[in-house]
């Protein structure tokens, strides 16, 4: 699993920690299946395309999200990308 924060959130505001209830928009790509049309990897999941609400909501640390995803979100600030 790899992840990166592309844009920091708002300083001085809440950070994601164990027990936080969060809503997130995301896409998951398989880098090993990159193509000329999708050089970042084959799109595996997108909240925009695969959910009715365009986001996933859950509690960090309870298994609502995959472990690697939770690991990447820990410490993120409000509105981080």
C-alpha atoms as a PDB file:
ATOM      1  CA  UNK A   1       0.000   0.000   0.000  1.00  0.00           C
ATOM      2  CA  UNK A   2       1.265   3.455  -0.843  1.00  0.00           C
ATOM      3  CA  UNK A   3      -0.382   6.766  -0.066  1.00  0.00           C
ATOM      4  CA  UNK A   4       0.476  10.436  -0.095  1.00  0.00           C
ATOM      5  CA  UNK A   5      -1.076  13.668   1.036  1.00  0.00           C
ATOM      6  CA  UNK A   6      -1.355  15.871  -2.017  1.00  0.00           C
ATOM      7  CA  UNK A   7      -2.600  19.000  -0.231  1.00  0.00           C
ATOM      8  CA  UNK A   8      -2.455  19.711   3.487  1.00  0.00           C
ATOM      9  CA  UNK A   9      -5.555  20.520   5.449  1.00  0.00           C
ATOM     10  CA  UNK A  10      -6.477  23.414   7.704  1.00  0.00           C
ATOM     11  CA  UNK A  11      -3.990  24.075  10.551  1.00  0.00           C
ATOM     12  CA  UNK A  12      -5.303  24.188  14.089  1.00  0.00           C
ATOM     13  CA  UNK A  13      -8.348  22.104  13.234  1.00  0.00           C
ATOM     14  CA  UNK A  14      -9.076  18.497  14.151  1.00  0.00           C
ATOM     15  CA  UNK A  15      -6.821  15.692  12.957  1.00  0.00           C
ATOM     16  CA  UNK A  16      -7.834  12.139  12.120  1.00  0.00           C
ATOM     17  CA  UNK A  17      -7.093   9.769  15.006  1.00  0.00           C
ATOM     18  CA  UNK A  18      -8.329   6.411  16.229  1.00  0.00           C
ATOM     19  CA  UNK A  19     -12.051   6.745  16.980  1.00  0.00           C
ATOM     20  CA  UNK A  20     -12.588   9.620  14.513  1.00  0.00           C
ATOM     21  CA  UNK A  21     -15.736   9.404  12.404  1.00  0.00           C
ATOM     22  CA  UNK A  22     -14.733  10.503   8.913  1.00  0.00           C
ATOM     23  CA  UNK A  23     -16.240  10.923   5.487  1.00  0.00           C
ATOM     24  CA  UNK A  24     -13.885  10.498   2.568  1.00  0.00           C
ATOM     25  CA  UNK A  25     -13.866  10.653  -1.196  1.00  0.00           C
ATOM     26  CA  UNK A  26     -11.219   8.530  -2.864  1.00  0.00           C
ATOM     27  CA  UNK A  27     -10.115   6.355  -5.722  1.00  0.00           C
ATOM     28  CA  UNK A  28      -8.068   3.176  -5.494  1.00  0.00           C
ATOM     29  CA  UNK A  29      -5.757   2.213  -8.337  1.00  0.00           C
ATOM     30  CA  UNK A  30      -3.691  -0.905  -9.052  1.00  0.00           C
ATOM     31  CA  UNK A  31      -0.281   0.492 -10.048  1.00  0.00           C
ATOM     32  CA  UNK A  32       0.930  -2.834 -11.437  1.00  0.00           C
ATOM     33  CA  UNK A  33      -1.865  -2.688 -14.035  1.00  0.00           C
ATOM     34  CA  UNK A  34      -0.938   0.698 -15.506  1.00  0.00           C
ATOM     35  CA  UNK A  35      -1.924   1.279 -19.137  1.00  0.00           C
ATOM     36  CA  UNK A  36      -1.384   4.014 -21.692  1.00  0.00           C
ATOM     37  CA  UNK A  37      -4.891   5.315 -20.882  1.00  0.00           C
ATOM     38  CA  UNK A  38      -4.397   5.014 -17.109  1.00  0.00           C
ATOM     39  CA  UNK A  39      -0.686   5.551 -16.366  1.00  0.00           C
ATOM     40  CA  UNK A  40      -1.385   5.854 -12.618  1.00  0.00           C
ATOM     41  CA  UNK A  41      -2.759   2.312 -12.619  1.00  0.00           C
ATOM     42  CA  UNK A  42      -6.063   0.659 -13.409  1.00  0.00           C
ATOM     43  CA  UNK A  43      -8.932   2.271 -11.487  1.00  0.00           C
ATOM     44  CA  UNK A  44     -10.218  -0.359  -9.043  1.00  0.00           C
ATOM     45  CA  UNK A  45     -12.649   1.701  -6.932  1.00  0.00           C
ATOM     46  CA  UNK A  46     -13.955   5.265  -6.917  1.00  0.00           C
ATOM     47  CA  UNK A  47     -16.408   6.769  -4.450  1.00  0.00           C
ATOM     48  CA  UNK A  48     -17.664   8.970  -7.289  1.00  0.00           C
ATOM     49  CA  UNK A  49     -18.504   5.994  -9.511  1.00  0.00           C
ATOM     50  CA  UNK A  50     -19.170   3.192  -7.009  1.00  0.00           C
ATOM     51  CA  UNK A  51     -21.252   4.768  -4.208  1.00  0.00           C
ATOM     52  CA  UNK A  52     -24.612   6.537  -4.134  1.00  0.00           C
ATOM     53  CA  UNK A  53     -23.391   9.276  -1.762  1.00  0.00           C
ATOM     54  CA  UNK A  54     -19.992   9.893  -3.456  1.00  0.00           C
ATOM     55  CA  UNK A  55     -18.199   9.185  -0.168  1.00  0.00           C
ATOM     56  CA  UNK A  56     -17.437   6.514   2.407  1.00  0.00           C
ATOM     57  CA  UNK A  57     -18.196   7.176   6.061  1.00  0.00           C
ATOM     58  CA  UNK A  58     -16.805   5.193   8.965  1.00  0.00           C
ATOM     59  CA  UNK A  59     -14.858   5.132  12.219  1.00  0.00           C
ATOM     60  CA  UNK A  60     -11.073   4.892  12.219  1.00  0.00           C
ATOM     61  CA  UNK A  61      -9.752   1.850  14.100  1.00  0.00           C
ATOM     62  CA  UNK A  62     -12.874  -0.303  13.895  1.00  0.00           C
ATOM     63  CA  UNK A  63     -12.218  -2.039  10.582  1.00  0.00           C
ATOM     64  CA  UNK A  64     -14.683   0.122   8.641  1.00  0.00           C
ATOM     65  CA  UNK A  65     -11.794   0.904   6.254  1.00  0.00           C
ATOM     66  CA  UNK A  66      -8.876  -1.276   5.096  1.00  0.00           C
ATOM     67  CA  UNK A  67      -5.901  -1.060   7.483  1.00  0.00           C
ATOM     68  CA  UNK A  68      -3.588   0.584   4.928  1.00  0.00           C
ATOM     69  CA  UNK A  69      -6.178   3.248   4.185  1.00  0.00           C
ATOM     70  CA  UNK A  70      -6.627   4.032   7.883  1.00  0.00           C
ATOM     71  CA  UNK A  71      -2.861   4.194   8.298  1.00  0.00           C
ATOM     72  CA  UNK A  72      -2.658   6.770   5.509  1.00  0.00           C
ATOM     73  CA  UNK A  73      -5.450   8.910   6.981  1.00  0.00           C
ATOM     74  CA  UNK A  74      -4.149   9.030  10.568  1.00  0.00           C
ATOM     75  CA  UNK A  75      -2.923  12.538  11.331  1.00  0.00           C
ATOM     76  CA  UNK A  76      -4.563  14.142   8.304  1.00  0.00           C
ATOM     77  CA  UNK A  77      -6.168  17.537   8.889  1.00  0.00           C
ATOM     78  CA  UNK A  78      -9.630  18.701   7.911  1.00  0.00           C
ATOM     79  CA  UNK A  79      -9.964  19.148   4.105  1.00  0.00           C
ATOM     80  CA  UNK A  80      -6.608  17.465   3.338  1.00  0.00           C
ATOM     81  CA  UNK A  81      -6.292  15.737  -0.018  1.00  0.00           C
END
